[in-house]
Amino acid sequence: MGVIVHKEQDKNAELSRRIAADLKIKAEQTALSADPDLVNDSDYINGSKTTSRYGWVWLILVGLAILSLILIVVI
């Protein structure tokens, strides 16, 4: 009985190794064909502007607005 279980485990281990090797090969092939830095997919960025020097002011104003809404609801 132990011999049968041991053979089954060997078969499962071999199958797992083959599946892992196949997945590794497929992953390497897709990594080679894919553009890792997505340069070709960045067309939507063309024509956009960078954040101004005072972008942080908007962030603080939004934070203060949220804080004031929370305080109004709580009090």
C-alpha atoms as a PDB file:
ATOM      1  CA  MET A   1       0.000   0.000   0.000  1.00  0.00           C
ATOM      2  CA  GLY A   2       2.840   2.357   0.861  1.00  0.00           C
ATOM      3  CA  VAL A   3       4.527   1.614  -2.460  1.00  0.00           C
ATOM      4  CA  ILE A   4       1.410   2.608  -4.392  1.00  0.00           C
ATOM      5  CA  VAL A   5       1.104   5.890  -2.488  1.00  0.00           C
ATOM      6  CA  HIS A   6       4.792   6.618  -3.030  1.00  0.00           C
ATOM      7  CA  LYS A   7       4.448   6.029  -6.794  1.00  0.00           C
ATOM      8  CA  GLU A   8       1.397   8.313  -6.920  1.00  0.00           C
ATOM      9  CA  GLN A   9       3.331  11.048  -5.142  1.00  0.00           C
ATOM     10  CA  ASP A  10       6.210  10.649  -7.602  1.00  0.00           C
ATOM     11  CA  LYS A  11       3.794  10.945 -10.534  1.00  0.00           C
ATOM     12  CA  ASN A  12       2.190  14.042  -9.005  1.00  0.00           C
ATOM     13  CA  ALA A  13       5.572  15.615  -8.338  1.00  0.00           C
ATOM     14  CA  GLU A  14       6.702  14.969 -11.912  1.00  0.00           C
ATOM     15  CA  LEU A  15       3.459  16.388 -13.279  1.00  0.00           C
ATOM     16  CA  SER A  16       3.851  19.464 -11.077  1.00  0.00           C
ATOM     17  CA  ARG A  17       7.409  19.962 -12.329  1.00  0.00           C
ATOM     18  CA  ARG A  18       6.312  19.718 -15.962  1.00  0.00           C
ATOM     19  CA  ILE A  19       3.436  22.148 -15.437  1.00  0.00           C
ATOM     20  CA  ALA A  20       5.753  24.604 -13.666  1.00  0.00           C
ATOM     21  CA  ALA A  21       8.284  24.347 -16.500  1.00  0.00           C
ATOM     22  CA  ASP A  22       5.597  24.944 -19.131  1.00  0.00           C
ATOM     23  CA  LEU A  23       4.243  27.961 -17.248  1.00  0.00           C
ATOM     24  CA  LYS A  24       7.749  29.358 -16.869  1.00  0.00           C
ATOM     25  CA  ILE A  25       8.391  29.036 -20.603  1.00  0.00           C
ATOM     26  CA  LYS A  26       5.069  30.711 -21.434  1.00  0.00           C
ATOM     27  CA  ALA A  27       5.766  33.527 -18.975  1.00  0.00           C
ATOM     28  CA  GLU A  28       9.197  34.132 -20.485  1.00  0.00           C
ATOM     29  CA  GLN A  29       7.715  34.229 -23.990  1.00  0.00           C
ATOM     30  CA  THR A  30       5.035  36.728 -23.032  1.00  0.00           C
ATOM     31  CA  ALA A  31       7.583  38.842 -21.157  1.00  0.00           C
ATOM     32  CA  LEU A  32       9.760  39.021 -24.252  1.00  0.00           C
ATOM     33  CA  SER A  33       6.880  39.967 -26.530  1.00  0.00           C
ATOM     34  CA  ALA A  34       5.302  42.455 -24.121  1.00  0.00           C
ATOM     35  CA  ASP A  35       6.554  46.012 -23.731  1.00  0.00           C
ATOM     36  CA  PRO A  36       7.594  46.149 -20.060  1.00  0.00           C
ATOM     37  CA  ASP A  37       7.668  49.928 -19.704  1.00  0.00           C
ATOM     38  CA  LEU A  38       4.370  50.485 -21.587  1.00  0.00           C
ATOM     39  CA  VAL A  39       5.820  53.220 -23.784  1.00  0.00           C
ATOM     40  CA  ASN A  40       3.492  52.347 -26.667  1.00  0.00           C
ATOM     41  CA  ASP A  41       0.419  52.521 -24.402  1.00  0.00           C
ATOM     42  CA  SER A  42       1.060  56.066 -23.225  1.00  0.00           C
ATOM     43  CA  ASP A  43      -0.739  57.901 -26.052  1.00  0.00           C
ATOM     44  CA  TYR A  44      -3.325  59.245 -23.614  1.00  0.00           C
ATOM     45  CA  ILE A  45      -0.585  61.243 -21.860  1.00  0.00           C
ATOM     46  CA  ASN A  46       0.333  63.203 -24.993  1.00  0.00           C
ATOM     47  CA  GLY A  47      -0.842  66.798 -24.683  1.00  0.00           C
ATOM     48  CA  SER A  48      -1.374  66.688 -20.916  1.00  0.00           C
ATOM     49  CA  LYS A  49       0.177  69.243 -18.609  1.00  0.00           C
ATOM     50  CA  THR A  50       2.244  68.715 -15.503  1.00  0.00           C
ATOM     51  CA  THR A  51       1.023  69.826 -12.096  1.00  0.00           C
ATOM     52  CA  SER A  52       1.744  73.459 -11.333  1.00  0.00           C
ATOM     53  CA  ARG A  53       3.922  74.700  -8.515  1.00  0.00           C
ATOM     54  CA  TYR A  54       0.871  75.247  -6.341  1.00  0.00           C
ATOM     55  CA  GLY A  55      -0.742  71.851  -6.782  1.00  0.00           C
ATOM     56  CA  TRP A  56      -0.117  71.095  -3.132  1.00  0.00           C
ATOM     57  CA  VAL A  57      -2.382  74.035  -2.193  1.00  0.00           C
ATOM     58  CA  TRP A  58      -5.341  72.291  -3.853  1.00  0.00           C
ATOM     59  CA  LEU A  59      -4.542  69.148  -1.920  1.00  0.00           C
ATOM     60  CA  ILE A  60      -4.555  71.051   1.375  1.00  0.00           C
ATOM     61  CA  LEU A  61      -7.807  72.816   0.477  1.00  0.00           C
ATOM     62  CA  VAL A  62      -9.537  69.531  -0.332  1.00  0.00           C
ATOM     63  CA  GLY A  63      -8.227  68.056   2.921  1.00  0.00           C
ATOM     64  CA  LEU A  64      -9.528  71.014   4.909  1.00  0.00           C
ATOM     65  CA  ALA A  65     -12.905  70.764   3.184  1.00  0.00           C
ATOM     66  CA  ILE A  66     -13.206  67.086   4.071  1.00  0.00           C
ATOM     67  CA  LEU A  67     -12.112  67.796   7.640  1.00  0.00           C
ATOM     68  CA  SER A  68     -14.681  70.581   7.996  1.00  0.00           C
ATOM     69  CA  LEU A  69     -17.452  68.320   6.652  1.00  0.00           C
ATOM     70  CA  ILE A  70     -16.511  65.653   9.162  1.00  0.00           C
ATOM     71  CA  LEU A  71     -16.533  68.191  11.990  1.00  0.00           C
ATOM     72  CA  ILE A  72     -19.932  69.543  10.899  1.00  0.00           C
ATOM     73  CA  VAL A  73     -21.442  66.064  10.898  1.00  0.00           C
ATOM     74  CA  VAL A  74     -19.917  65.086  14.241  1.00  0.00           C
ATOM     75  CA  ILE A  75     -20.784  68.299  16.106  1.00  0.00           C
END
